[in-house]
């Protein structure tokens, strides 16, 4: 089935972007998270295309075969949103449904908030909509309070070069540990610790699996390792280094509700779900057109890879109504 996925490059917002696509019909854009690429959607591209849609999964800027600008500032949320708006334009479409997982979720909701004329429906996986409040403060300040005497991975990512050196020392091992420890397959004592001692490094917070979980094959790991050995992790980590910049750039979104028809899917054992349970509980208020909210049992963070059948069914059902 993977042979049916087509690959090409387009020009958008001053960069060359690699996209994986399949199918015809209404446009559905899939935005991946960290540390991933278009490949995270391999199970969805085929299934959604077969359901009658034109599915496009880009490598976001900094990842895979898409350009990787040098400056950290080039990865702010308005630049990434512009990349996706330009993608819709290049594809010759007037509207699209956007679906985002992990770091792709904030990207998806900024697209939906800033260009509601283009993005007519939205799906969020793992990370729920976080409505900006009028009295909010810089995200890194909030994270520092949350961490207290500990180290929080998002703060650990702030120093340029630190996480890169650690993760790139053995790319395959880093990916294997992160993908396993944040999944629903890891038992509680082996799950990823998003808070760790300041004397520890990031990879001390994850566990080396004795064997890969059933949803992750050696071939899958081969592909991801090859991508990150070529690109490094700098482009992906740059998103975390723009948290405060994004906050400075988007004061005008304070109080904004996500008005489009929307779907949220999370995993019961996902750290992103556990950390944001209050936001998930408030989704009916912040996302007034929320069609469905689902937490999949025994599932971790890599939801569309861990539970492709269930996720595909939910996405296709939503798209049939919203697209």
C-alpha atoms as a PDB file:
ATOM      1  CA  UNK A   1       0.000   0.000   0.000  1.00  0.00           C
ATOM      2  CA  UNK A   2       2.920   2.335   0.695  1.00  0.00           C
ATOM      3  CA  UNK A   3       3.789   2.201  -3.026  1.00  0.00           C
ATOM      4  CA  UNK A   4       0.579   4.098  -3.743  1.00  0.00           C
ATOM      5  CA  UNK A   5       1.830   7.120  -1.783  1.00  0.00           C
ATOM      6  CA  UNK A   6       3.252   9.781  -4.112  1.00  0.00           C
ATOM      7  CA  UNK A   7       6.102  12.103  -3.164  1.00  0.00           C
ATOM      8  CA  UNK A   8       6.946  15.533  -4.532  1.00  0.00           C
ATOM      9  CA  UNK A   9       8.282  18.942  -3.550  1.00  0.00           C
ATOM     10  CA  UNK A  10       6.426  22.239  -3.629  1.00  0.00           C
ATOM     11  CA  UNK A  11       7.499  25.837  -2.996  1.00  0.00           C
ATOM     12  CA  UNK A  12       5.704  27.625  -0.170  1.00  0.00           C
ATOM     13  CA  UNK A  13       6.520  30.694   1.928  1.00  0.00           C
ATOM     14  CA  UNK A  14      10.100  30.802   0.638  1.00  0.00           C
ATOM     15  CA  UNK A  15      10.945  27.159   1.378  1.00  0.00           C
ATOM     16  CA  UNK A  16      10.927  23.882  -0.535  1.00  0.00           C
ATOM     17  CA  UNK A  17       8.550  21.460   1.168  1.00  0.00           C
ATOM     18  CA  UNK A  18       8.376  17.694   0.710  1.00  0.00           C
ATOM     19  CA  UNK A  19       4.875  16.208   0.710  1.00  0.00           C
ATOM     20  CA  UNK A  20       3.531  12.663   0.696  1.00  0.00           C
ATOM     21  CA  UNK A  21       0.092  12.448  -0.906  1.00  0.00           C
ATOM     22  CA  UNK A  22      -2.539  10.101  -2.185  1.00  0.00           C
ATOM     23  CA  UNK A  23      -6.120  10.145  -3.436  1.00  0.00           C
ATOM     24  CA  UNK A  24      -8.540  12.627  -4.896  1.00  0.00           C
ATOM     25  CA  UNK A  25     -11.453  14.576  -3.460  1.00  0.00           C
ATOM     26  CA  UNK A  26     -11.578  17.156  -0.695  1.00  0.00           C
ATOM     27  CA  UNK A  27      -8.194  18.107   0.743  1.00  0.00           C
ATOM     28  CA  UNK A  28      -7.037  16.770   4.125  1.00  0.00           C
ATOM     29  CA  UNK A  29      -3.678  17.972   5.515  1.00  0.00           C
ATOM     30  CA  UNK A  30      -1.898  15.923   8.203  1.00  0.00           C
ATOM     31  CA  UNK A  31       0.672  17.727  10.397  1.00  0.00           C
ATOM     32  CA  UNK A  32       3.143  15.553  12.327  1.00  0.00           C
ATOM     33  CA  UNK A  33       4.834  16.108  15.677  1.00  0.00           C
ATOM     34  CA  UNK A  34       8.292  15.678  17.255  1.00  0.00           C
ATOM     35  CA  UNK A  35      10.454  13.671  16.647  1.00  0.00           C
ATOM     36  CA  UNK A  36       8.598  12.532  13.542  1.00  0.00           C
ATOM     37  CA  UNK A  37       7.927  13.323   9.875  1.00  0.00           C
ATOM     38  CA  UNK A  38       5.305  12.538   7.205  1.00  0.00           C
ATOM     39  CA  UNK A  39       5.906   8.829   7.887  1.00  0.00           C
ATOM     40  CA  UNK A  40       3.990   9.035  11.187  1.00  0.00           C
ATOM     41  CA  UNK A  41       0.823   9.178   9.066  1.00  0.00           C
ATOM     42  CA  UNK A  42       1.651   6.134   6.898  1.00  0.00           C
ATOM     43  CA  UNK A  43      -1.441   4.240   8.128  1.00  0.00           C
ATOM     44  CA  UNK A  44      -3.767   7.240   7.717  1.00  0.00           C
ATOM     45  CA  UNK A  45      -2.695   8.394   4.237  1.00  0.00           C
ATOM     46  CA  UNK A  46      -3.814   5.184   2.559  1.00  0.00           C
ATOM     47  CA  UNK A  47      -7.008   4.684   4.585  1.00  0.00           C
ATOM     48  CA  UNK A  48      -8.259   8.273   4.246  1.00  0.00           C
ATOM     49  CA  UNK A  49      -7.434   8.353   0.524  1.00  0.00           C
ATOM     50  CA  UNK A  50      -9.407   5.137   0.043  1.00  0.00           C
ATOM     51  CA  UNK A  51     -12.333   6.828   1.810  1.00  0.00           C
ATOM     52  CA  UNK A  52     -12.401   9.422  -1.006  1.00  0.00           C
ATOM     53  CA  UNK A  53     -10.106  12.260   0.043  1.00  0.00           C
ATOM     54  CA  UNK A  54      -6.936  13.922  -1.257  1.00  0.00           C
ATOM     55  CA  UNK A  55      -4.554  13.373   1.661  1.00  0.00           C
ATOM     56  CA  UNK A  56      -1.346  15.394   2.003  1.00  0.00           C
ATOM     57  CA  UNK A  57       1.218  14.797   4.767  1.00  0.00           C
ATOM     58  CA  UNK A  58       4.087  17.300   4.586  1.00  0.00           C
ATOM     59  CA  UNK A  59       7.454  17.148   6.262  1.00  0.00           C
ATOM     60  CA  UNK A  60       7.157  20.360   8.293  1.00  0.00           C
ATOM     61  CA  UNK A  61       9.954  22.898   8.030  1.00  0.00           C
ATOM     62  CA  UNK A  62      13.117  21.588   9.651  1.00  0.00           C
ATOM     63  CA  UNK A  63      12.126  17.949   9.208  1.00  0.00           C
ATOM     64  CA  UNK A  64      12.708  15.186   6.676  1.00  0.00           C
ATOM     65  CA  UNK A  65      13.206  16.354   3.119  1.00  0.00           C
ATOM     66  CA  UNK A  66      11.778  19.852   3.655  1.00  0.00           C
ATOM     67  CA  UNK A  67      14.129  22.851   3.922  1.00  0.00           C
ATOM     68  CA  UNK A  68      15.699  23.587   7.293  1.00  0.00           C
ATOM     69  CA  UNK A  69      16.248  27.342   7.724  1.00  0.00           C
ATOM     70  CA  UNK A  70      19.222  28.251   9.898  1.00  0.00           C
ATOM     71  CA  UNK A  71      17.791  30.797  12.350  1.00  0.00           C
ATOM     72  CA  UNK A  72      15.685  29.693  15.314  1.00  0.00           C
ATOM     73  CA  UNK A  73      13.318  32.627  14.659  1.00  0.00           C
ATOM     74  CA  UNK A  74      12.420  31.091  11.279  1.00  0.00           C
ATOM     75  CA  UNK A  75      10.443  28.419  13.167  1.00  0.00           C
ATOM     76  CA  UNK A  76       7.923  30.684  14.890  1.00  0.00           C
ATOM     77  CA  UNK A  77       4.269  29.671  14.654  1.00  0.00           C
ATOM     78  CA  UNK A  78       3.364  32.344  12.079  1.00  0.00           C
ATOM     79  CA  UNK A  79       6.043  31.053   9.693  1.00  0.00           C
ATOM     80  CA  UNK A  80       4.822  27.465  10.043  1.00  0.00           C
ATOM     81  CA  UNK A  81       1.217  28.557   9.583  1.00  0.00           C
ATOM     82  CA  UNK A  82       2.261  30.437   6.435  1.00  0.00           C
ATOM     83  CA  UNK A  83       3.908  27.256   5.124  1.00  0.00           C
ATOM     84  CA  UNK A  84       0.613  25.369   5.364  1.00  0.00           C
ATOM     85  CA  UNK A  85      -1.500  28.230   3.967  1.00  0.00           C
ATOM     86  CA  UNK A  86       0.908  28.355   0.999  1.00  0.00           C
ATOM     87  CA  UNK A  87       0.598  24.592   0.591  1.00  0.00           C
ATOM     88  CA  UNK A  88      -3.197  24.849   0.209  1.00  0.00           C
ATOM     89  CA  UNK A  89      -2.679  27.600  -2.380  1.00  0.00           C
ATOM     90  CA  UNK A  90      -0.100  25.623  -4.390  1.00  0.00           C
ATOM     91  CA  UNK A  91      -2.451  22.643  -4.457  1.00  0.00           C
ATOM     92  CA  UNK A  92      -5.027  24.933  -6.053  1.00  0.00           C
ATOM     93  CA  UNK A  93      -7.598  24.465  -3.309  1.00  0.00           C
ATOM     94  CA  UNK A  94      -9.900  26.939  -1.632  1.00  0.00           C
ATOM     95  CA  UNK A  95     -10.486  24.859   1.493  1.00  0.00           C
ATOM     96  CA  UNK A  96      -8.996  22.000   3.490  1.00  0.00           C
ATOM     97  CA  UNK A  97      -9.467  20.024   6.682  1.00  0.00           C
ATOM     98  CA  UNK A  98      -6.384  20.142   8.901  1.00  0.00           C
ATOM     99  CA  UNK A  99      -5.380  17.457  11.387  1.00  0.00           C
ATOM    100  CA  UNK A 100      -2.415  17.763  13.740  1.00  0.00           C
ATOM    101  CA  UNK A 101      -0.668  15.494  16.231  1.00  0.00           C
ATOM    102  CA  UNK A 102       1.664  16.621  19.050  1.00  0.00           C
ATOM    103  CA  UNK A 103       3.480  19.788  17.814  1.00  0.00           C
ATOM    104  CA  UNK A 104       1.286  19.555  14.713  1.00  0.00           C
ATOM    105  CA  UNK A 105      -1.795  20.263  16.865  1.00  0.00           C
ATOM    106  CA  UNK A 106      -0.895  23.884  17.771  1.00  0.00           C
ATOM    107  CA  UNK A 107       0.057  24.385  14.125  1.00  0.00           C
ATOM    108  CA  UNK A 108      -3.349  23.061  13.051  1.00  0.00           C
ATOM    109  CA  UNK A 109      -5.265  25.317  15.425  1.00  0.00           C
ATOM    110  CA  UNK A 110      -3.277  28.414  14.441  1.00  0.00           C
ATOM    111  CA  UNK A 111      -4.123  27.651  10.804  1.00  0.00           C
ATOM    112  CA  UNK A 112      -7.786  27.321  11.789  1.00  0.00           C
ATOM    113  CA  UNK A 113      -7.802  30.486  13.923  1.00  0.00           C
ATOM    114  CA  UNK A 114      -5.933  32.672  11.435  1.00  0.00           C
ATOM    115  CA  UNK A 115      -7.499  31.442   8.175  1.00  0.00           C
ATOM    116  CA  UNK A 116     -10.991  30.136   8.955  1.00  0.00           C
ATOM    117  CA  UNK A 117     -11.866  30.775   5.303  1.00  0.00           C
ATOM    118  CA  UNK A 118      -9.316  28.125   4.257  1.00  0.00           C
ATOM    119  CA  UNK A 119      -9.526  25.574   7.055  1.00  0.00           C
ATOM    120  CA  UNK A 120     -13.107  24.448   7.461  1.00  0.00           C
ATOM    121  CA  UNK A 121     -12.630  21.672  10.034  1.00  0.00           C
ATOM    122  CA  UNK A 122      -9.905  20.534  12.430  1.00  0.00           C
ATOM    123  CA  UNK A 123      -8.742  17.359  14.136  1.00  0.00           C
ATOM    124  CA  UNK A 124      -6.404  17.431  17.146  1.00  0.00           C
ATOM    125  CA  UNK A 125      -4.528  14.315  18.272  1.00  0.00           C
ATOM    126  CA  UNK A 126      -2.912  14.071  21.734  1.00  0.00           C
ATOM    127  CA  UNK A 127      -2.688  17.826  22.354  1.00  0.00           C
ATOM    128  CA  UNK A 128      -5.961  19.656  23.130  1.00  0.00           C
ATOM    129  CA  UNK A 129      -6.669  23.247  22.114  1.00  0.00           C
ATOM    130  CA  UNK A 130      -5.116  25.709  24.567  1.00  0.00           C
ATOM    131  CA  UNK A 131      -7.053  28.949  24.317  1.00  0.00           C
ATOM    132  CA  UNK A 132      -4.819  31.926  25.008  1.00  0.00           C
ATOM    133  CA  UNK A 133      -5.966  33.983  27.994  1.00  0.00           C
ATOM    134  CA  UNK A 134      -5.753  37.771  28.310  1.00  0.00           C
ATOM    135  CA  UNK A 135      -3.615  37.517  31.442  1.00  0.00           C
ATOM    136  CA  UNK A 136      -1.258  34.790  30.224  1.00  0.00           C
ATOM    137  CA  UNK A 137       2.497  35.005  30.814  1.00  0.00           C
ATOM    138  CA  UNK A 138       5.521  33.717  28.868  1.00  0.00           C
ATOM    139  CA  UNK A 139       5.285  29.920  28.562  1.00  0.00           C
ATOM    140  CA  UNK A 140       8.812  29.305  29.846  1.00  0.00           C
ATOM    141  CA  UNK A 141       7.911  31.141  33.092  1.00  0.00           C
ATOM    142  CA  UNK A 142       4.927  28.823  33.591  1.00  0.00           C
ATOM    143  CA  UNK A 143       7.096  25.785  32.796  1.00  0.00           C
ATOM    144  CA  UNK A 144       9.756  26.869  35.318  1.00  0.00           C
ATOM    145  CA  UNK A 145       7.128  27.085  38.057  1.00  0.00           C
ATOM    146  CA  UNK A 146       5.799  23.684  37.031  1.00  0.00           C
ATOM    147  CA  UNK A 147       9.288  22.135  37.143  1.00  0.00           C
ATOM    148  CA  UNK A 148      10.233  23.571  40.525  1.00  0.00           C
ATOM    149  CA  UNK A 149      13.460  21.887  41.620  1.00  0.00           C
ATOM    150  CA  UNK A 150      13.271  19.446  38.706  1.00  0.00           C
ATOM    151  CA  UNK A 151      14.070  19.676  35.012  1.00  0.00           C
ATOM    152  CA  UNK A 152      11.230  19.668  32.477  1.00  0.00           C
ATOM    153  CA  UNK A 153      11.961  18.355  28.984  1.00  0.00           C
ATOM    154  CA  UNK A 154      10.569  21.494  27.288  1.00  0.00           C
ATOM    155  CA  UNK A 155      12.986  23.639  29.303  1.00  0.00           C
ATOM    156  CA  UNK A 156      15.843  21.207  28.647  1.00  0.00           C
ATOM    157  CA  UNK A 157      15.198  21.772  24.936  1.00  0.00           C
ATOM    158  CA  UNK A 158      15.718  25.553  25.220  1.00  0.00           C
ATOM    159  CA  UNK A 159      19.519  25.555  25.170  1.00  0.00           C
ATOM    160  CA  UNK A 160      20.747  25.357  21.588  1.00  0.00           C
ATOM    161  CA  UNK A 161      22.986  22.376  20.929  1.00  0.00           C
ATOM    162  CA  UNK A 162      22.412  20.548  24.220  1.00  0.00           C
ATOM    163  CA  UNK A 163      19.608  18.147  23.245  1.00  0.00           C
ATOM    164  CA  UNK A 164      20.972  17.891  19.692  1.00  0.00           C
ATOM    165  CA  UNK A 165      24.303  16.510  20.905  1.00  0.00           C
ATOM    166  CA  UNK A 166      22.611  14.021  23.201  1.00  0.00           C
ATOM    167  CA  UNK A 167      20.017  12.751  20.708  1.00  0.00           C
ATOM    168  CA  UNK A 168      22.375  12.662  17.713  1.00  0.00           C
ATOM    169  CA  UNK A 169      25.093  10.633  19.482  1.00  0.00           C
ATOM    170  CA  UNK A 170      23.074   7.509  18.611  1.00  0.00           C
ATOM    171  CA  UNK A 171      19.986   8.489  16.612  1.00  0.00           C
ATOM    172  CA  UNK A 172      18.496   5.006  16.379  1.00  0.00           C
ATOM    173  CA  UNK A 173      18.823   4.373  20.121  1.00  0.00           C
ATOM    174  CA  UNK A 174      17.384   7.813  20.961  1.00  0.00           C
ATOM    175  CA  UNK A 175      14.344   7.264  18.755  1.00  0.00           C
ATOM    176  CA  UNK A 176      13.826   3.706  19.996  1.00  0.00           C
ATOM    177  CA  UNK A 177      13.852   4.830  23.640  1.00  0.00           C
ATOM    178  CA  UNK A 178      11.616   7.870  23.108  1.00  0.00           C
ATOM    179  CA  UNK A 179       9.061   6.077  20.927  1.00  0.00           C
ATOM    180  CA  UNK A 180       8.828   3.144  23.336  1.00  0.00           C
ATOM    181  CA  UNK A 181       8.750   5.096  26.608  1.00  0.00           C
ATOM    182  CA  UNK A 182       6.020   7.505  25.491  1.00  0.00           C
ATOM    183  CA  UNK A 183       3.848   4.697  24.119  1.00  0.00           C
ATOM    184  CA  UNK A 184       1.076   2.757  25.815  1.00  0.00           C
ATOM    185  CA  UNK A 185       3.259  -0.379  25.674  1.00  0.00           C
ATOM    186  CA  UNK A 186       5.680   0.787  28.352  1.00  0.00           C
ATOM    187  CA  UNK A 187       4.650  -0.325  31.862  1.00  0.00           C
ATOM    188  CA  UNK A 188       4.307   2.531  34.415  1.00  0.00           C
ATOM    189  CA  UNK A 189       7.840   2.132  35.791  1.00  0.00           C
ATOM    190  CA  UNK A 190       9.333   2.372  32.282  1.00  0.00           C
ATOM    191  CA  UNK A 191       7.236   5.261  31.011  1.00  0.00           C
ATOM    192  CA  UNK A 192       8.827   8.511  30.001  1.00  0.00           C
ATOM    193  CA  UNK A 193       9.371  10.923  32.919  1.00  0.00           C
ATOM    194  CA  UNK A 194       8.693  14.433  31.629  1.00  0.00           C
ATOM    195  CA  UNK A 195      10.095  15.771  34.924  1.00  0.00           C
ATOM    196  CA  UNK A 196      13.613  14.612  35.827  1.00  0.00           C
ATOM    197  CA  UNK A 197      16.436  15.678  38.144  1.00  0.00           C
ATOM    198  CA  UNK A 198      18.659  18.535  37.048  1.00  0.00           C
ATOM    199  CA  UNK A 199      21.612  16.164  37.301  1.00  0.00           C
ATOM    200  CA  UNK A 200      20.008  13.936  34.634  1.00  0.00           C
ATOM    201  CA  UNK A 201      19.933  14.172  30.869  1.00  0.00           C
ATOM    202  CA  UNK A 202      16.896  13.722  28.632  1.00  0.00           C
ATOM    203  CA  UNK A 203      17.652  10.089  27.775  1.00  0.00           C
ATOM    204  CA  UNK A 204      17.828   9.267  31.497  1.00  0.00           C
ATOM    205  CA  UNK A 205      14.068   9.930  31.538  1.00  0.00           C
ATOM    206  CA  UNK A 206      13.298   7.189  28.976  1.00  0.00           C
ATOM    207  CA  UNK A 207      13.878   3.421  28.882  1.00  0.00           C
ATOM    208  CA  UNK A 208      15.559   1.098  26.421  1.00  0.00           C
ATOM    209  CA  UNK A 209      12.954  -1.513  25.362  1.00  0.00           C
ATOM    210  CA  UNK A 210      13.857  -5.204  25.437  1.00  0.00           C
ATOM    211  CA  UNK A 211      11.920  -5.504  22.182  1.00  0.00           C
ATOM    212  CA  UNK A 212      10.085  -3.048  19.965  1.00  0.00           C
ATOM    213  CA  UNK A 213       6.335  -2.637  20.508  1.00  0.00           C
ATOM    214  CA  UNK A 214       4.165  -4.356  17.894  1.00  0.00           C
ATOM    215  CA  UNK A 215       3.270  -1.085  16.127  1.00  0.00           C
ATOM    216  CA  UNK A 216       6.933  -0.148  15.518  1.00  0.00           C
ATOM    217  CA  UNK A 217       8.953  -2.393  13.201  1.00  0.00           C
ATOM    218  CA  UNK A 218      12.702  -2.400  12.625  1.00  0.00           C
ATOM    219  CA  UNK A 219      11.909  -1.087   9.119  1.00  0.00           C
ATOM    220  CA  UNK A 220       9.933   1.830  10.608  1.00  0.00           C
ATOM    221  CA  UNK A 221      12.886   2.611  12.847  1.00  0.00           C
ATOM    222  CA  UNK A 222      15.259   2.314   9.868  1.00  0.00           C
ATOM    223  CA  UNK A 223      13.295   4.984   8.008  1.00  0.00           C
ATOM    224  CA  UNK A 224      13.109   7.439  10.922  1.00  0.00           C
ATOM    225  CA  UNK A 225      16.770   6.891  11.816  1.00  0.00           C
ATOM    226  CA  UNK A 226      17.817   7.612   8.246  1.00  0.00           C
ATOM    227  CA  UNK A 227      15.802  10.864   8.222  1.00  0.00           C
ATOM    228  CA  UNK A 228      17.152  12.175  11.542  1.00  0.00           C
ATOM    229  CA  UNK A 229      20.724  11.084  10.844  1.00  0.00           C
ATOM    230  CA  UNK A 230      20.540  13.307   7.767  1.00  0.00           C
ATOM    231  CA  UNK A 231      18.742  16.309   9.276  1.00  0.00           C
ATOM    232  CA  UNK A 232      19.664  16.144  12.944  1.00  0.00           C
ATOM    233  CA  UNK A 233      17.123  17.314  15.524  1.00  0.00           C
ATOM    234  CA  UNK A 234      17.769  21.070  15.307  1.00  0.00           C
ATOM    235  CA  UNK A 235      14.768  21.913  13.119  1.00  0.00           C
ATOM    236  CA  UNK A 236      12.345  20.006  15.330  1.00  0.00           C
ATOM    237  CA  UNK A 237      13.758  21.433  18.566  1.00  0.00           C
ATOM    238  CA  UNK A 238      13.511  24.968  17.161  1.00  0.00           C
ATOM    239  CA  UNK A 239       9.744  24.855  17.727  1.00  0.00           C
ATOM    240  CA  UNK A 240      10.284  24.528  21.487  1.00  0.00           C
ATOM    241  CA  UNK A 241      12.699  27.469  21.337  1.00  0.00           C
ATOM    242  CA  UNK A 242       9.947  29.656  19.911  1.00  0.00           C
ATOM    243  CA  UNK A 243       7.447  29.171  22.740  1.00  0.00           C
ATOM    244  CA  UNK A 244       7.985  32.668  24.164  1.00  0.00           C
ATOM    245  CA  UNK A 245       8.296  34.239  20.709  1.00  0.00           C
ATOM    246  CA  UNK A 246       5.007  32.646  19.660  1.00  0.00           C
ATOM    247  CA  UNK A 247       3.443  34.061  22.814  1.00  0.00           C
ATOM    248  CA  UNK A 248       4.746  37.565  21.974  1.00  0.00           C
ATOM    249  CA  UNK A 249       3.436  37.309  18.404  1.00  0.00           C
ATOM    250  CA  UNK A 250      -0.096  36.143  19.222  1.00  0.00           C
ATOM    251  CA  UNK A 251      -1.522  38.471  21.880  1.00  0.00           C
ATOM    252  CA  UNK A 252      -4.289  39.240  19.385  1.00  0.00           C
ATOM    253  CA  UNK A 253      -5.546  35.642  19.761  1.00  0.00           C
ATOM    254  CA  UNK A 254      -6.356  36.125  23.451  1.00  0.00           C
ATOM    255  CA  UNK A 255      -9.818  34.771  24.212  1.00  0.00           C
ATOM    256  CA  UNK A 256     -10.217  33.204  20.763  1.00  0.00           C
ATOM    257  CA  UNK A 257     -12.407  30.134  20.456  1.00  0.00           C
ATOM    258  CA  UNK A 258     -11.903  27.479  17.821  1.00  0.00           C
ATOM    259  CA  UNK A 259     -15.132  27.738  15.838  1.00  0.00           C
ATOM    260  CA  UNK A 260     -14.747  25.014  13.200  1.00  0.00           C
ATOM    261  CA  UNK A 261     -16.224  21.530  13.491  1.00  0.00           C
ATOM    262  CA  UNK A 262     -13.582  19.717  15.528  1.00  0.00           C
ATOM    263  CA  UNK A 263     -12.468  16.291  16.734  1.00  0.00           C
ATOM    264  CA  UNK A 264     -10.135  15.455  19.626  1.00  0.00           C
ATOM    265  CA  UNK A 265      -8.516  12.043  20.105  1.00  0.00           C
ATOM    266  CA  UNK A 266      -6.122  11.262  22.947  1.00  0.00           C
ATOM    267  CA  UNK A 267      -4.477   8.223  24.492  1.00  0.00           C
ATOM    268  CA  UNK A 268      -5.295   7.235  28.063  1.00  0.00           C
ATOM    269  CA  UNK A 269      -1.597   6.833  28.991  1.00  0.00           C
ATOM    270  CA  UNK A 270      -0.341   9.813  26.978  1.00  0.00           C
ATOM    271  CA  UNK A 271       1.671  12.329  29.013  1.00  0.00           C
ATOM    272  CA  UNK A 272       0.229  15.135  26.873  1.00  0.00           C
ATOM    273  CA  UNK A 273      -3.253  14.020  27.953  1.00  0.00           C
ATOM    274  CA  UNK A 274      -2.307  13.696  31.619  1.00  0.00           C
ATOM    275  CA  UNK A 275      -0.660  17.145  31.654  1.00  0.00           C
ATOM    276  CA  UNK A 276      -3.610  18.798  29.897  1.00  0.00           C
ATOM    277  CA  UNK A 277      -6.584  17.072  31.481  1.00  0.00           C
ATOM    278  CA  UNK A 278      -8.069  20.442  32.508  1.00  0.00           C
ATOM    279  CA  UNK A 279      -7.923  21.668  28.891  1.00  0.00           C
ATOM    280  CA  UNK A 280      -9.569  18.465  27.659  1.00  0.00           C
ATOM    281  CA  UNK A 281     -12.359  18.963  30.198  1.00  0.00           C
ATOM    282  CA  UNK A 282     -12.900  22.528  28.910  1.00  0.00           C
ATOM    283  CA  UNK A 283     -12.934  21.702  25.193  1.00  0.00           C
ATOM    284  CA  UNK A 284     -16.705  22.028  24.877  1.00  0.00           C
ATOM    285  CA  UNK A 285     -16.318  25.695  25.942  1.00  0.00           C
ATOM    286  CA  UNK A 286     -13.172  26.604  24.008  1.00  0.00           C
ATOM    287  CA  UNK A 287     -14.193  24.589  20.929  1.00  0.00           C
ATOM    288  CA  UNK A 288     -17.978  25.163  20.708  1.00  0.00           C
ATOM    289  CA  UNK A 289     -18.337  23.017  17.565  1.00  0.00           C
ATOM    290  CA  UNK A 290     -16.563  19.987  19.047  1.00  0.00           C
ATOM    291  CA  UNK A 291     -18.133  16.947  17.385  1.00  0.00           C
ATOM    292  CA  UNK A 292     -16.410  14.227  19.386  1.00  0.00           C
ATOM    293  CA  UNK A 293     -13.862  13.786  22.159  1.00  0.00           C
ATOM    294  CA  UNK A 294     -12.310  10.330  22.543  1.00  0.00           C
ATOM    295  CA  UNK A 295      -9.686   8.879  24.886  1.00  0.00           C
ATOM    296  CA  UNK A 296      -8.431   5.518  23.642  1.00  0.00           C
ATOM    297  CA  UNK A 297      -7.658   3.047  26.460  1.00  0.00           C
ATOM    298  CA  UNK A 298      -4.154   1.588  26.932  1.00  0.00           C
ATOM    299  CA  UNK A 299      -2.772   4.021  24.351  1.00  0.00           C
ATOM    300  CA  UNK A 300       0.208   6.347  24.664  1.00  0.00           C
ATOM    301  CA  UNK A 301       1.407   9.372  22.728  1.00  0.00           C
ATOM    302  CA  UNK A 302       1.956   7.950  19.221  1.00  0.00           C
ATOM    303  CA  UNK A 303      -1.748   7.476  18.862  1.00  0.00           C
ATOM    304  CA  UNK A 304      -2.144   7.211  15.086  1.00  0.00           C
ATOM    305  CA  UNK A 305       0.653   4.632  14.953  1.00  0.00           C
ATOM    306  CA  UNK A 306      -0.317   2.681  18.076  1.00  0.00           C
ATOM    307  CA  UNK A 307      -4.030   2.472  17.222  1.00  0.00           C
ATOM    308  CA  UNK A 308      -4.295   3.038  13.456  1.00  0.00           C
ATOM    309  CA  UNK A 309      -7.578   1.140  12.993  1.00  0.00           C
ATOM    310  CA  UNK A 310      -9.438   3.081  15.690  1.00  0.00           C
ATOM    311  CA  UNK A 311      -7.898   6.437  14.734  1.00  0.00           C
ATOM    312  CA  UNK A 312      -8.653   5.912  11.021  1.00  0.00           C
ATOM    313  CA  UNK A 313     -12.249   5.024  11.806  1.00  0.00           C
ATOM    314  CA  UNK A 314     -12.698   8.159  13.941  1.00  0.00           C
ATOM    315  CA  UNK A 315     -11.011  10.424  11.377  1.00  0.00           C
ATOM    316  CA  UNK A 316     -12.956   9.049   8.420  1.00  0.00           C
ATOM    317  CA  UNK A 317     -16.261   9.316  10.299  1.00  0.00           C
ATOM    318  CA  UNK A 318     -15.429  12.935  11.185  1.00  0.00           C
ATOM    319  CA  UNK A 319     -14.300  13.785   7.650  1.00  0.00           C
ATOM    320  CA  UNK A 320     -17.472  12.321   6.161  1.00  0.00           C
ATOM    321  CA  UNK A 321     -19.481  14.857   8.175  1.00  0.00           C
ATOM    322  CA  UNK A 322     -17.133  17.848   8.182  1.00  0.00           C
ATOM    323  CA  UNK A 323     -15.370  17.747   4.827  1.00  0.00           C
END
